[in-house]
Amino acid sequence: MSDQLPPPPGMQPGMNPKAAAKAAKAYAKASRPWFKKKRWWVLAAVVVIVVIIAASTSGGDGPKKVADNGSSKSTSKAAGKDGAKGGADGTKAKPIKIGETVELAGTRYTVKKATTASSIGGDYGTKADGKFVVVTLTIENMKDETKTFSESAARLVTRDGKEYATDDDGSIYSDKPLILEDMQPDLPKTGALVFDVPPAKVAGAKLKVSDLFGEGDAYVDLGLK
């Protein structure tokens, strides 16, 4: 049995040449093999696109990213000498206070005090562009191996939500600056973090700490007026 179509009627003698040419073109198109017809290529392209989209949106069994909502995760805990006070848990909405401790990803943070100054280091020191906020902080590594604390993991957050990194000049002239400190397990280390902020934004500022080895943040109310 032949798959070829019979000759088109357009090729019959006496038919209008224009109509005959149109009929011949339609006949040739219908006679092409299925794999040469445009609609099959379009269908194949659609199938490929669907497969690519499905593969790209599939989560698979890989790790899932957790969005940082600006608060400490459930693994964080805050406690003073006698446990957590006033419902504080170290989150942005419920920061802990000076003297209390928050644990984040295996590191404990305890703010000992927070002071302000116009300059640091005496006559040979440096002056603040605004106002220095000096935070004395104790860090303790609760893991089984050495960790590194970086000053970049600490930010001063003002009431309007703006964040300030530590000031390089102020840190250099401060006593025991916490800059890239190696933390040995179970050996607390105390040092200073120095921030330079506008004087009008000192009141109500909080310390925000993040851990290089974990997710989430913890907040400490510095009690500044």
N, C-alpha and C. Protein backbone atom coordinates (compact mmCIF):
# COMPACT_ATOMS: atom_id res chain seq x y z
N MET A 1 0.86 -1.20 0.00
CA MET A 1 0.00 0.00 0.00
C MET A 1 0.88 1.24 0.00
N SER A 2 0.61 2.20 -0.86
CA SER A 2 1.43 3.39 -0.97
C SER A 2 0.90 4.49 -0.07
N ASP A 3 1.85 5.26 0.56
CA ASP A 3 1.46 6.39 1.41
C ASP A 3 1.31 7.68 0.62
N GLN A 4 1.57 7.64 -0.70
CA GLN A 4 1.52 8.84 -1.50
C GLN A 4 0.07 9.21 -1.81
N LEU A 5 -0.21 10.49 -1.86
CA LEU A 5 -1.54 10.99 -2.19
C LEU A 5 -1.71 11.04 -3.71
N PRO A 6 -2.92 10.93 -4.16
CA PRO A 6 -3.16 11.03 -5.61
C PRO A 6 -2.86 12.43 -6.10
N PRO A 7 -2.60 12.55 -7.39
CA PRO A 7 -2.30 13.89 -7.94
C PRO A 7 -3.41 14.87 -7.61
N PRO A 8 -3.06 16.09 -7.28
CA PRO A 8 -4.07 17.09 -6.89
C PRO A 8 -4.95 17.46 -8.06
N PRO A 9 -6.20 17.74 -7.75
CA PRO A 9 -7.12 18.13 -8.84
C PRO A 9 -6.71 19.46 -9.47
N GLY A 10 -5.92 20.21 -8.79
CA GLY A 10 -5.50 21.49 -9.33
C GLY A 10 -4.66 21.33 -10.58
N MET A 11 -4.13 20.18 -10.81
CA MET A 11 -3.29 19.98 -11.98
C MET A 11 -4.09 19.57 -13.22
N GLN A 12 -5.42 19.51 -13.08
CA GLN A 12 -6.26 19.14 -14.21
C GLN A 12 -6.25 20.23 -15.28
N PRO A 13 -6.28 19.82 -16.52
CA PRO A 13 -6.26 20.81 -17.62
C PRO A 13 -7.45 21.74 -17.54
N GLY A 14 -7.22 22.93 -17.93
CA GLY A 14 -8.30 23.91 -18.00
C GLY A 14 -8.53 24.68 -16.73
N MET A 15 -7.85 24.31 -15.60
CA MET A 15 -8.07 25.04 -14.34
C MET A 15 -7.26 26.33 -14.34
N ASN A 16 -7.76 27.32 -13.69
CA ASN A 16 -7.08 28.61 -13.57
C ASN A 16 -5.66 28.39 -13.05
N PRO A 17 -4.64 28.96 -13.72
CA PRO A 17 -3.24 28.72 -13.31
C PRO A 17 -2.96 29.11 -11.87
N LYS A 18 -3.53 30.18 -11.39
CA LYS A 18 -3.30 30.64 -10.02
C LYS A 18 -3.88 29.65 -9.01
N ALA A 19 -5.12 29.17 -9.34
CA ALA A 19 -5.75 28.20 -8.46
C ALA A 19 -5.00 26.88 -8.48
N ALA A 20 -4.51 26.52 -9.68
CA ALA A 20 -3.77 25.27 -9.81
C ALA A 20 -2.47 25.32 -9.00
N ALA A 21 -1.77 26.46 -9.01
CA ALA A 21 -0.53 26.61 -8.25
C ALA A 21 -0.80 26.53 -6.74
N LYS A 22 -1.89 27.13 -6.31
CA LYS A 22 -2.25 27.09 -4.89
C LYS A 22 -2.56 25.67 -4.45
N ALA A 23 -3.29 24.93 -5.32
CA ALA A 23 -3.63 23.55 -5.00
C ALA A 23 -2.38 22.68 -4.96
N ALA A 24 -1.44 22.94 -5.87
CA ALA A 24 -0.20 22.16 -5.91
C ALA A 24 0.63 22.39 -4.64
N LYS A 25 0.64 23.63 -4.16
CA LYS A 25 1.39 23.96 -2.95
C LYS A 25 0.80 23.26 -1.73
N ALA A 26 -0.54 23.25 -1.65
CA ALA A 26 -1.21 22.58 -0.55
C ALA A 26 -0.96 21.08 -0.59
N TYR A 27 -0.96 20.55 -1.80
CA TYR A 27 -0.73 19.11 -1.97
C TYR A 27 0.69 18.74 -1.54
N ALA A 28 1.67 19.57 -1.92
CA ALA A 28 3.06 19.29 -1.56
C ALA A 28 3.25 19.34 -0.04
N LYS A 29 2.57 20.28 0.59
CA LYS A 29 2.67 20.41 2.04
C LYS A 29 2.09 19.19 2.75
N ALA A 30 0.94 18.72 2.22
CA ALA A 30 0.30 17.56 2.82
C ALA A 30 1.08 16.28 2.57
N SER A 31 1.90 16.27 1.55
CA SER A 31 2.64 15.06 1.19
C SER A 31 3.94 14.90 1.96
N ARG A 32 4.39 15.95 2.71
CA ARG A 32 5.65 15.85 3.44
C ARG A 32 5.57 14.80 4.53
N PRO A 33 6.70 14.14 4.86
CA PRO A 33 6.71 13.17 5.97
C PRO A 33 6.35 13.86 7.28
N TRP A 34 5.83 13.10 8.24
CA TRP A 34 5.35 13.69 9.50
C TRP A 34 6.44 14.43 10.26
N PHE A 35 7.69 13.93 10.17
CA PHE A 35 8.77 14.55 10.95
C PHE A 35 9.27 15.85 10.35
N LYS A 36 8.77 16.18 9.13
CA LYS A 36 9.16 17.44 8.51
C LYS A 36 8.08 18.51 8.65
N LYS A 37 6.96 18.14 9.24
CA LYS A 37 5.87 19.09 9.37
C LYS A 37 6.09 19.99 10.58
N LYS A 38 5.79 21.25 10.43
CA LYS A 38 6.10 22.27 11.44
C LYS A 38 5.43 21.99 12.77
N ARG A 39 4.21 21.48 12.72
CA ARG A 39 3.49 21.28 13.98
C ARG A 39 4.17 20.27 14.91
N TRP A 40 4.90 19.30 14.32
CA TRP A 40 5.61 18.33 15.14
C TRP A 40 6.81 18.97 15.84
N TRP A 41 7.49 19.87 15.15
CA TRP A 41 8.62 20.57 15.77
C TRP A 41 8.14 21.49 16.89
N VAL A 42 7.01 22.13 16.68
CA VAL A 42 6.44 23.00 17.71
C VAL A 42 6.09 22.18 18.95
N LEU A 43 5.46 21.01 18.72
CA LEU A 43 5.09 20.15 19.84
C LEU A 43 6.32 19.68 20.61
N ALA A 44 7.36 19.30 19.85
CA ALA A 44 8.59 18.84 20.50
C ALA A 44 9.22 19.95 21.33
N ALA A 45 9.21 21.17 20.79
CA ALA A 45 9.78 22.30 21.53
C ALA A 45 9.03 22.56 22.82
N VAL A 46 7.69 22.43 22.77
CA VAL A 46 6.88 22.64 23.97
C VAL A 46 7.21 21.60 25.03
N VAL A 47 7.38 20.33 24.61
CA VAL A 47 7.72 19.26 25.55
C VAL A 47 9.05 19.54 26.23
N VAL A 48 10.06 19.97 25.45
CA VAL A 48 11.38 20.27 26.00
C VAL A 48 11.30 21.39 27.03
N ILE A 49 10.55 22.44 26.72
CA ILE A 49 10.41 23.58 27.63
C ILE A 49 9.76 23.14 28.94
N VAL A 50 8.72 22.30 28.85
CA VAL A 50 8.04 21.81 30.05
C VAL A 50 8.99 21.00 30.93
N VAL A 51 9.81 20.16 30.31
CA VAL A 51 10.76 19.35 31.06
C VAL A 51 11.78 20.22 31.78
N ILE A 52 12.28 21.26 31.08
CA ILE A 52 13.28 22.17 31.69
C ILE A 52 12.69 22.91 32.87
N ILE A 53 11.46 23.40 32.73
CA ILE A 53 10.81 24.13 33.82
C ILE A 53 10.59 23.22 35.02
N ALA A 54 10.14 21.98 34.76
CA ALA A 54 9.91 21.04 35.85
C ALA A 54 11.18 20.72 36.61
N ALA A 55 12.29 20.59 35.85
CA ALA A 55 13.58 20.27 36.50
C ALA A 55 14.08 21.43 37.34
N SER A 56 13.89 22.65 36.85
CA SER A 56 14.42 23.81 37.56
C SER A 56 13.63 24.16 38.80
N THR A 57 12.33 23.83 38.81
CA THR A 57 11.49 24.16 39.97
C THR A 57 11.42 23.04 40.98
N SER A 58 11.96 21.89 40.65
CA SER A 58 11.90 20.76 41.58
C SER A 58 12.88 20.98 42.72
N GLY A 59 12.41 20.80 43.95
CA GLY A 59 13.27 20.99 45.11
C GLY A 59 14.21 19.83 45.33
N GLY A 60 13.81 18.64 44.88
CA GLY A 60 14.66 17.47 45.09
C GLY A 60 14.84 17.19 46.56
N ASP A 61 15.94 16.51 46.87
CA ASP A 61 16.24 16.16 48.25
C ASP A 61 17.35 17.04 48.82
N GLY A 62 17.74 18.11 48.12
CA GLY A 62 18.84 18.96 48.55
C GLY A 62 18.43 19.82 49.72
N PRO A 63 19.39 20.56 50.31
CA PRO A 63 19.09 21.41 51.47
C PRO A 63 18.19 22.57 51.09
N LYS A 64 17.34 22.96 52.00
CA LYS A 64 16.44 24.08 51.77
C LYS A 64 16.97 25.31 52.48
N LYS A 65 16.86 26.44 51.82
CA LYS A 65 17.30 27.70 52.43
C LYS A 65 16.20 28.23 53.34
N VAL A 66 16.61 28.76 54.47
CA VAL A 66 15.66 29.34 55.41
C VAL A 66 15.80 30.84 55.36
N ALA A 67 14.71 31.53 55.13
CA ALA A 67 14.76 32.98 55.05
C ALA A 67 15.08 33.56 56.41
N ASP A 68 15.93 34.58 56.42
CA ASP A 68 16.29 35.26 57.65
C ASP A 68 15.28 36.35 57.93
N ASN A 69 14.47 36.16 58.95
CA ASN A 69 13.43 37.15 59.25
C ASN A 69 13.88 38.17 60.27
N GLY A 70 15.19 38.24 60.52
CA GLY A 70 15.71 39.26 61.43
C GLY A 70 15.61 38.89 62.89
N SER A 71 15.41 37.64 63.20
CA SER A 71 15.33 37.22 64.60
C SER A 71 16.11 35.94 64.79
N SER A 72 16.43 35.65 66.05
CA SER A 72 17.18 34.43 66.33
C SER A 72 16.29 33.22 66.12
N LYS A 73 16.88 32.08 65.76
CA LYS A 73 16.13 30.88 65.49
C LYS A 73 15.81 30.15 66.80
N SER A 74 15.09 29.04 66.67
CA SER A 74 14.66 28.31 67.84
C SER A 74 15.83 27.71 68.62
N THR A 75 17.00 27.62 67.98
CA THR A 75 18.17 27.09 68.67
C THR A 75 18.81 28.12 69.59
N SER A 76 18.39 29.38 69.49
CA SER A 76 18.95 30.43 70.33
C SER A 76 18.23 30.45 71.67
N LYS A 77 18.94 30.83 72.72
CA LYS A 77 18.31 30.94 74.01
C LYS A 77 18.97 32.05 74.80
N ALA A 78 18.18 32.75 75.57
CA ALA A 78 18.71 33.85 76.36
C ALA A 78 18.45 33.58 77.82
N ALA A 79 19.43 33.87 78.66
CA ALA A 79 19.24 33.64 80.08
C ALA A 79 20.19 34.50 80.88
N GLY A 80 19.71 35.02 81.98
CA GLY A 80 20.57 35.72 82.90
C GLY A 80 21.11 34.72 83.92
N LYS A 81 21.53 35.20 85.07
CA LYS A 81 22.09 34.29 86.08
C LYS A 81 21.03 33.32 86.59
N ASP A 82 19.79 33.80 86.61
CA ASP A 82 18.70 32.97 87.13
C ASP A 82 17.72 32.59 86.02
N GLY A 83 18.18 32.59 84.79
CA GLY A 83 17.30 32.24 83.69
C GLY A 83 16.80 33.47 82.98
N ALA A 84 16.01 33.27 81.93
CA ALA A 84 15.50 34.38 81.13
C ALA A 84 14.61 35.28 81.97
N LYS A 85 14.70 36.58 81.72
CA LYS A 85 13.93 37.55 82.49
C LYS A 85 12.99 38.31 81.58
N GLY A 86 11.77 38.53 82.07
CA GLY A 86 10.83 39.37 81.34
C GLY A 86 10.43 38.83 79.98
N GLY A 87 10.58 37.54 79.77
CA GLY A 87 10.18 36.96 78.50
C GLY A 87 11.15 37.25 77.37
N ALA A 88 12.30 37.83 77.67
CA ALA A 88 13.28 38.14 76.62
C ALA A 88 13.85 36.85 76.06
N ASP A 89 14.03 36.82 74.74
CA ASP A 89 14.57 35.62 74.12
C ASP A 89 15.67 35.93 73.11
N GLY A 90 16.09 37.18 73.03
CA GLY A 90 17.16 37.54 72.12
C GLY A 90 16.72 37.86 70.71
N THR A 91 15.42 37.89 70.47
CA THR A 91 14.94 38.26 69.15
C THR A 91 14.87 39.78 69.03
N LYS A 92 14.61 40.25 67.83
CA LYS A 92 14.53 41.70 67.61
C LYS A 92 13.39 42.31 68.41
N ALA A 93 12.28 41.58 68.51
CA ALA A 93 11.12 42.09 69.25
C ALA A 93 11.32 41.99 70.75
N LYS A 94 12.09 40.99 71.19
CA LYS A 94 12.33 40.79 72.62
C LYS A 94 13.82 40.61 72.89
N PRO A 95 14.59 41.68 72.76
CA PRO A 95 16.04 41.57 72.98
C PRO A 95 16.36 41.31 74.44
N ILE A 96 17.49 40.66 74.68
CA ILE A 96 17.94 40.50 76.06
C ILE A 96 18.59 41.80 76.52
N LYS A 97 18.96 41.86 77.80
CA LYS A 97 19.53 43.07 78.36
C LYS A 97 20.99 42.85 78.73
N ILE A 98 21.64 43.95 79.08
CA ILE A 98 23.04 43.87 79.52
C ILE A 98 23.14 42.96 80.73
N GLY A 99 24.13 42.06 80.70
CA GLY A 99 24.32 41.10 81.78
C GLY A 99 23.69 39.76 81.51
N GLU A 100 22.75 39.69 80.57
CA GLU A 100 22.14 38.43 80.19
C GLU A 100 22.93 37.80 79.05
N THR A 101 22.68 36.52 78.81
CA THR A 101 23.44 35.78 77.82
C THR A 101 22.52 35.18 76.77
N VAL A 102 22.96 35.26 75.54
CA VAL A 102 22.23 34.63 74.44
C VAL A 102 23.18 33.66 73.75
N GLU A 103 22.69 32.48 73.41
CA GLU A 103 23.51 31.49 72.71
C GLU A 103 23.00 31.35 71.29
N LEU A 104 23.93 31.45 70.34
CA LEU A 104 23.57 31.40 68.93
C LEU A 104 24.58 30.53 68.21
N ALA A 105 24.11 29.40 67.65
CA ALA A 105 24.97 28.49 66.88
C ALA A 105 26.22 28.08 67.64
N GLY A 106 26.06 27.84 68.93
CA GLY A 106 27.18 27.33 69.71
C GLY A 106 28.09 28.38 70.31
N THR A 107 27.74 29.65 70.18
CA THR A 107 28.53 30.73 70.78
C THR A 107 27.65 31.52 71.74
N ARG A 108 28.16 31.76 72.93
CA ARG A 108 27.43 32.56 73.91
C ARG A 108 27.93 34.00 73.90
N TYR A 109 26.99 34.94 73.90
CA TYR A 109 27.30 36.37 73.88
C TYR A 109 26.71 37.01 75.13
N THR A 110 27.56 37.75 75.85
CA THR A 110 27.11 38.47 77.03
C THR A 110 27.67 39.88 77.00
N VAL A 111 26.79 40.87 76.90
CA VAL A 111 27.22 42.27 76.92
C VAL A 111 27.42 42.68 78.38
N LYS A 112 28.62 43.12 78.69
CA LYS A 112 28.94 43.52 80.07
C LYS A 112 28.53 44.97 80.33
N LYS A 113 28.79 45.83 79.36
CA LYS A 113 28.41 47.23 79.50
C LYS A 113 28.44 47.92 78.14
N ALA A 114 27.80 49.08 78.08
CA ALA A 114 27.80 49.90 76.86
C ALA A 114 27.93 51.35 77.27
N THR A 115 28.92 52.04 76.73
CA THR A 115 29.18 53.43 77.06
C THR A 115 29.31 54.26 75.78
N THR A 116 29.31 55.56 75.95
CA THR A 116 29.51 56.47 74.81
C THR A 116 30.71 57.36 75.06
N ALA A 117 31.31 57.86 73.99
CA ALA A 117 32.47 58.74 74.11
C ALA A 117 32.62 59.55 72.83
N SER A 118 33.20 60.73 72.98
CA SER A 118 33.46 61.58 71.81
C SER A 118 34.79 61.24 71.17
N SER A 119 35.69 60.64 71.96
CA SER A 119 36.99 60.25 71.45
C SER A 119 37.49 59.02 72.21
N ILE A 120 38.46 58.34 71.62
CA ILE A 120 39.05 57.14 72.22
C ILE A 120 40.57 57.22 72.07
N GLY A 121 41.29 56.85 73.10
CA GLY A 121 42.75 56.80 73.01
C GLY A 121 43.48 58.02 73.51
N GLY A 122 42.79 58.96 74.14
CA GLY A 122 43.46 60.14 74.69
C GLY A 122 43.97 61.09 73.62
N ASP A 123 45.07 61.76 73.93
CA ASP A 123 45.61 62.78 73.04
C ASP A 123 46.09 62.20 71.71
N TYR A 124 46.48 60.95 71.71
CA TYR A 124 47.00 60.34 70.49
C TYR A 124 46.01 59.37 69.87
N GLY A 125 44.77 59.49 70.30
CA GLY A 125 43.74 58.59 69.80
C GLY A 125 42.99 59.14 68.61
N THR A 126 41.70 58.93 68.59
CA THR A 126 40.88 59.36 67.46
C THR A 126 39.56 59.91 67.96
N LYS A 127 39.00 60.83 67.20
CA LYS A 127 37.71 61.44 67.55
C LYS A 127 36.61 60.86 66.68
N ALA A 128 35.43 60.81 67.25
CA ALA A 128 34.27 60.27 66.53
C ALA A 128 33.72 61.32 65.57
N ASP A 129 33.23 60.87 64.44
CA ASP A 129 32.53 61.78 63.54
C ASP A 129 31.18 62.15 64.15
N GLY A 130 30.60 61.19 64.86
CA GLY A 130 29.36 61.45 65.58
C GLY A 130 29.58 61.20 67.05
N LYS A 131 29.18 59.99 67.50
CA LYS A 131 29.40 59.58 68.88
C LYS A 131 29.82 58.11 68.88
N PHE A 132 30.89 57.82 69.64
CA PHE A 132 31.32 56.44 69.77
C PHE A 132 30.40 55.71 70.74
N VAL A 133 29.99 54.50 70.37
CA VAL A 133 29.31 53.59 71.29
C VAL A 133 30.27 52.42 71.49
N VAL A 134 30.72 52.25 72.73
CA VAL A 134 31.69 51.20 73.06
C VAL A 134 30.96 50.08 73.81
N VAL A 135 30.93 48.91 73.19
CA VAL A 135 30.23 47.76 73.78
C VAL A 135 31.26 46.75 74.26
N THR A 136 31.26 46.49 75.57
CA THR A 136 32.15 45.47 76.14
C THR A 136 31.41 44.14 76.12
N LEU A 137 31.98 43.17 75.39
CA LEU A 137 31.28 41.92 75.11
C LEU A 137 32.13 40.71 75.48
N THR A 138 31.51 39.73 76.12
CA THR A 138 32.17 38.45 76.39
C THR A 138 31.60 37.40 75.45
N ILE A 139 32.50 36.69 74.76
CA ILE A 139 32.08 35.62 73.86
C ILE A 139 32.66 34.30 74.36
N GLU A 140 31.90 33.22 74.21
CA GLU A 140 32.37 31.92 74.67
C GLU A 140 31.96 30.85 73.66
N ASN A 141 32.92 30.08 73.21
CA ASN A 141 32.70 29.03 72.23
C ASN A 141 32.29 27.74 72.94
N MET A 142 31.08 27.27 72.68
CA MET A 142 30.57 26.07 73.31
C MET A 142 30.76 24.82 72.44
N LYS A 143 31.37 24.98 71.28
CA LYS A 143 31.61 23.85 70.40
C LYS A 143 32.86 23.07 70.83
N ASP A 144 33.15 22.01 70.08
CA ASP A 144 34.30 21.16 70.41
C ASP A 144 35.57 21.53 69.66
N GLU A 145 35.50 22.56 68.84
CA GLU A 145 36.67 22.98 68.08
C GLU A 145 36.73 24.50 68.01
N THR A 146 37.89 25.01 67.63
CA THR A 146 38.11 26.46 67.60
C THR A 146 37.21 27.13 66.57
N LYS A 147 36.67 28.28 66.95
CA LYS A 147 35.89 29.10 66.04
C LYS A 147 36.53 30.49 65.96
N THR A 148 36.14 31.24 64.96
CA THR A 148 36.66 32.60 64.81
C THR A 148 35.51 33.60 64.89
N PHE A 149 35.69 34.58 65.75
CA PHE A 149 34.71 35.67 65.84
C PHE A 149 35.22 36.84 65.02
N SER A 150 34.38 37.33 64.13
CA SER A 150 34.74 38.50 63.33
C SER A 150 33.87 39.68 63.73
N GLU A 151 34.48 40.85 63.82
CA GLU A 151 33.72 42.03 64.18
C GLU A 151 32.63 42.35 63.14
N SER A 152 32.79 41.79 61.94
CA SER A 152 31.77 42.01 60.91
C SER A 152 30.46 41.30 61.24
N ALA A 153 30.51 40.39 62.22
CA ALA A 153 29.31 39.68 62.64
C ALA A 153 28.47 40.50 63.61
N ALA A 154 28.95 41.68 64.00
CA ALA A 154 28.24 42.52 64.95
C ALA A 154 27.83 43.83 64.29
N ARG A 155 26.62 44.26 64.57
CA ARG A 155 26.10 45.53 64.04
C ARG A 155 25.37 46.28 65.15
N LEU A 156 25.42 47.60 65.07
CA LEU A 156 24.62 48.42 65.97
C LEU A 156 23.37 48.83 65.19
N VAL A 157 22.21 48.49 65.73
CA VAL A 157 20.95 48.79 65.05
C VAL A 157 20.23 49.90 65.80
N THR A 158 19.97 51.01 65.12
CA THR A 158 19.30 52.14 65.75
C THR A 158 17.78 51.98 65.65
N ARG A 159 17.07 52.84 66.32
CA ARG A 159 15.61 52.73 66.38
C ARG A 159 14.95 52.80 65.01
N ASP A 160 15.56 53.51 64.08
CA ASP A 160 14.97 53.63 62.76
C ASP A 160 15.34 52.45 61.85
N GLY A 161 16.00 51.43 62.43
CA GLY A 161 16.31 50.23 61.67
C GLY A 161 17.61 50.26 60.90
N LYS A 162 18.35 51.37 60.98
CA LYS A 162 19.62 51.44 60.26
C LYS A 162 20.71 50.69 61.03
N GLU A 163 21.62 50.07 60.29
CA GLU A 163 22.67 49.25 60.89
C GLU A 163 24.05 49.89 60.66
N TYR A 164 24.87 49.87 61.70
CA TYR A 164 26.21 50.46 61.65
C TYR A 164 27.25 49.39 61.96
N ALA A 165 28.26 49.30 61.10
CA ALA A 165 29.36 48.36 61.32
C ALA A 165 30.35 48.97 62.33
N THR A 166 31.24 48.14 62.84
CA THR A 166 32.24 48.65 63.78
C THR A 166 33.16 49.65 63.08
N ASP A 167 33.64 50.62 63.85
CA ASP A 167 34.51 51.66 63.32
C ASP A 167 35.97 51.23 63.43
N ASP A 168 36.69 51.23 62.34
CA ASP A 168 38.08 50.75 62.33
C ASP A 168 38.98 51.58 63.25
N ASP A 169 38.92 52.90 63.13
CA ASP A 169 39.79 53.76 63.96
C ASP A 169 39.46 53.62 65.43
N GLY A 170 38.18 53.65 65.74
CA GLY A 170 37.79 53.52 67.14
C GLY A 170 38.21 52.18 67.73
N SER A 171 38.10 51.12 66.94
CA SER A 171 38.47 49.79 67.43
C SER A 171 39.97 49.69 67.71
N ILE A 172 40.77 50.29 66.85
CA ILE A 172 42.23 50.22 67.02
C ILE A 172 42.67 50.85 68.34
N TYR A 173 42.02 51.96 68.72
CA TYR A 173 42.44 52.68 69.91
C TYR A 173 41.70 52.22 71.17
N SER A 174 40.82 51.25 71.04
CA SER A 174 40.08 50.77 72.21
C SER A 174 40.89 49.70 72.94
N ASP A 175 40.50 49.41 74.17
CA ASP A 175 41.15 48.35 74.94
C ASP A 175 40.60 47.00 74.50
N LYS A 176 41.50 46.08 74.14
CA LYS A 176 41.14 44.72 73.75
C LYS A 176 40.04 44.66 72.69
N PRO A 177 40.30 45.20 71.51
CA PRO A 177 39.27 45.15 70.46
C PRO A 177 39.01 43.71 70.01
N LEU A 178 37.76 43.39 69.77
CA LEU A 178 37.39 42.06 69.28
C LEU A 178 37.45 42.07 67.75
N ILE A 179 38.62 41.79 67.21
CA ILE A 179 38.81 41.77 65.76
C ILE A 179 39.41 40.43 65.37
N LEU A 180 38.63 39.63 64.63
CA LEU A 180 39.08 38.31 64.18
C LEU A 180 39.73 37.52 65.31
N GLU A 181 38.96 37.30 66.35
CA GLU A 181 39.47 36.59 67.52
C GLU A 181 39.21 35.09 67.39
N ASP A 182 40.25 34.29 67.63
CA ASP A 182 40.08 32.84 67.70
C ASP A 182 39.49 32.49 69.06
N MET A 183 38.42 31.73 69.04
CA MET A 183 37.76 31.32 70.29
C MET A 183 38.01 29.84 70.53
N GLN A 184 38.77 29.54 71.56
CA GLN A 184 39.00 28.15 71.94
C GLN A 184 37.78 27.64 72.73
N PRO A 185 37.47 26.37 72.63
CA PRO A 185 36.30 25.84 73.34
C PRO A 185 36.35 26.12 74.84
N ASP A 186 35.22 26.60 75.37
CA ASP A 186 35.04 26.79 76.82
C ASP A 186 35.99 27.80 77.44
N LEU A 187 36.57 28.69 76.65
CA LEU A 187 37.43 29.74 77.17
C LEU A 187 36.83 31.11 76.82
N PRO A 188 36.10 31.72 77.75
CA PRO A 188 35.47 33.03 77.48
C PRO A 188 36.52 34.08 77.15
N LYS A 189 36.16 34.98 76.27
CA LYS A 189 37.07 36.06 75.89
C LYS A 189 36.27 37.37 75.89
N THR A 190 36.83 38.39 76.51
CA THR A 190 36.15 39.68 76.63
C THR A 190 36.92 40.75 75.86
N GLY A 191 36.19 41.57 75.15
CA GLY A 191 36.80 42.65 74.39
C GLY A 191 35.77 43.72 74.07
N ALA A 192 36.18 44.68 73.23
CA ALA A 192 35.33 45.82 72.93
C ALA A 192 34.97 45.89 71.45
N LEU A 193 33.76 46.32 71.21
CA LEU A 193 33.29 46.65 69.87
C LEU A 193 32.98 48.13 69.86
N VAL A 194 33.46 48.87 68.87
CA VAL A 194 33.28 50.32 68.82
C VAL A 194 32.52 50.71 67.56
N PHE A 195 31.47 51.50 67.76
CA PHE A 195 30.65 51.97 66.63
C PHE A 195 30.62 53.50 66.65
N ASP A 196 30.60 54.09 65.47
CA ASP A 196 30.51 55.54 65.34
C ASP A 196 29.16 55.86 64.71
N VAL A 197 28.26 56.48 65.49
CA VAL A 197 26.89 56.73 65.02
C VAL A 197 26.51 58.19 65.28
N PRO A 198 25.50 58.69 64.58
CA PRO A 198 25.01 60.05 64.86
C PRO A 198 24.53 60.16 66.30
N PRO A 199 24.86 61.22 67.00
CA PRO A 199 24.48 61.36 68.41
C PRO A 199 22.98 61.18 68.66
N ALA A 200 22.17 61.65 67.73
CA ALA A 200 20.72 61.57 67.92
C ALA A 200 20.18 60.15 67.84
N LYS A 201 21.02 59.22 67.37
CA LYS A 201 20.55 57.85 67.19
C LYS A 201 21.10 56.87 68.22
N VAL A 202 21.79 57.41 69.21
CA VAL A 202 22.38 56.54 70.23
C VAL A 202 21.30 55.91 71.12
N ALA A 203 20.34 56.71 71.54
CA ALA A 203 19.30 56.23 72.46
C ALA A 203 18.50 55.09 71.81
N GLY A 204 18.32 54.03 72.58
CA GLY A 204 17.51 52.91 72.10
C GLY A 204 18.22 51.96 71.16
N ALA A 205 19.51 52.15 70.94
CA ALA A 205 20.24 51.29 70.02
C ALA A 205 20.39 49.88 70.58
N LYS A 206 20.44 48.90 69.69
CA LYS A 206 20.62 47.50 70.06
C LYS A 206 21.86 46.93 69.37
N LEU A 207 22.44 45.95 70.00
CA LEU A 207 23.54 45.21 69.38
C LEU A 207 22.94 43.99 68.69
N LYS A 208 23.30 43.81 67.44
CA LYS A 208 22.86 42.64 66.68
C LYS A 208 24.09 41.78 66.39
N VAL A 209 24.02 40.50 66.76
CA VAL A 209 25.14 39.59 66.48
C VAL A 209 24.65 38.45 65.59
N SER A 210 25.51 38.06 64.67
CA SER A 210 25.23 36.93 63.78
C SER A 210 26.39 35.95 63.92
N ASP A 211 26.12 34.70 63.61
CA ASP A 211 27.17 33.69 63.72
C ASP A 211 27.57 33.23 62.33
N LEU A 212 28.88 33.16 62.08
CA LEU A 212 29.38 32.76 60.77
C LEU A 212 29.04 31.31 60.45
N PHE A 213 28.72 30.51 61.47
CA PHE A 213 28.50 29.09 61.27
C PHE A 213 27.04 28.70 61.48
N GLY A 214 26.15 29.66 61.54
CA GLY A 214 24.75 29.32 61.76
C GLY A 214 23.84 30.39 61.19
N GLU A 215 22.54 30.12 61.24
CA GLU A 215 21.55 31.04 60.72
C GLU A 215 20.93 31.84 61.85
N GLY A 216 20.39 32.99 61.48
CA GLY A 216 19.68 33.80 62.45
C GLY A 216 20.55 34.83 63.14
N ASP A 217 19.91 35.73 63.88
CA ASP A 217 20.58 36.81 64.59
C ASP A 217 20.08 36.83 66.03
N ALA A 218 20.83 37.51 66.88
CA ALA A 218 20.42 37.73 68.26
C ALA A 218 20.60 39.21 68.59
N TYR A 219 19.74 39.74 69.45
CA TYR A 219 19.72 41.17 69.74
C TYR A 219 19.87 41.43 71.25
N VAL A 220 20.60 42.51 71.56
CA VAL A 220 20.82 42.91 72.95
C VAL A 220 20.45 44.39 73.08
N ASP A 221 19.56 44.70 74.01
CA ASP A 221 19.22 46.10 74.30
C ASP A 221 20.36 46.69 75.13
N LEU A 222 21.00 47.73 74.59
CA LEU A 222 22.18 48.31 75.26
C LEU A 222 21.81 49.30 76.36
N GLY A 223 20.52 49.61 76.51
CA GLY A 223 20.09 50.49 77.59
C GLY A 223 20.60 51.92 77.48
N LEU A 224 20.91 52.36 76.27
CA LEU A 224 21.45 53.71 76.08
C LEU A 224 20.31 54.73 76.03
N LYS A 225 20.52 55.87 76.68
CA LYS A 225 19.52 56.94 76.74
C LYS A 225 19.91 58.11 75.84
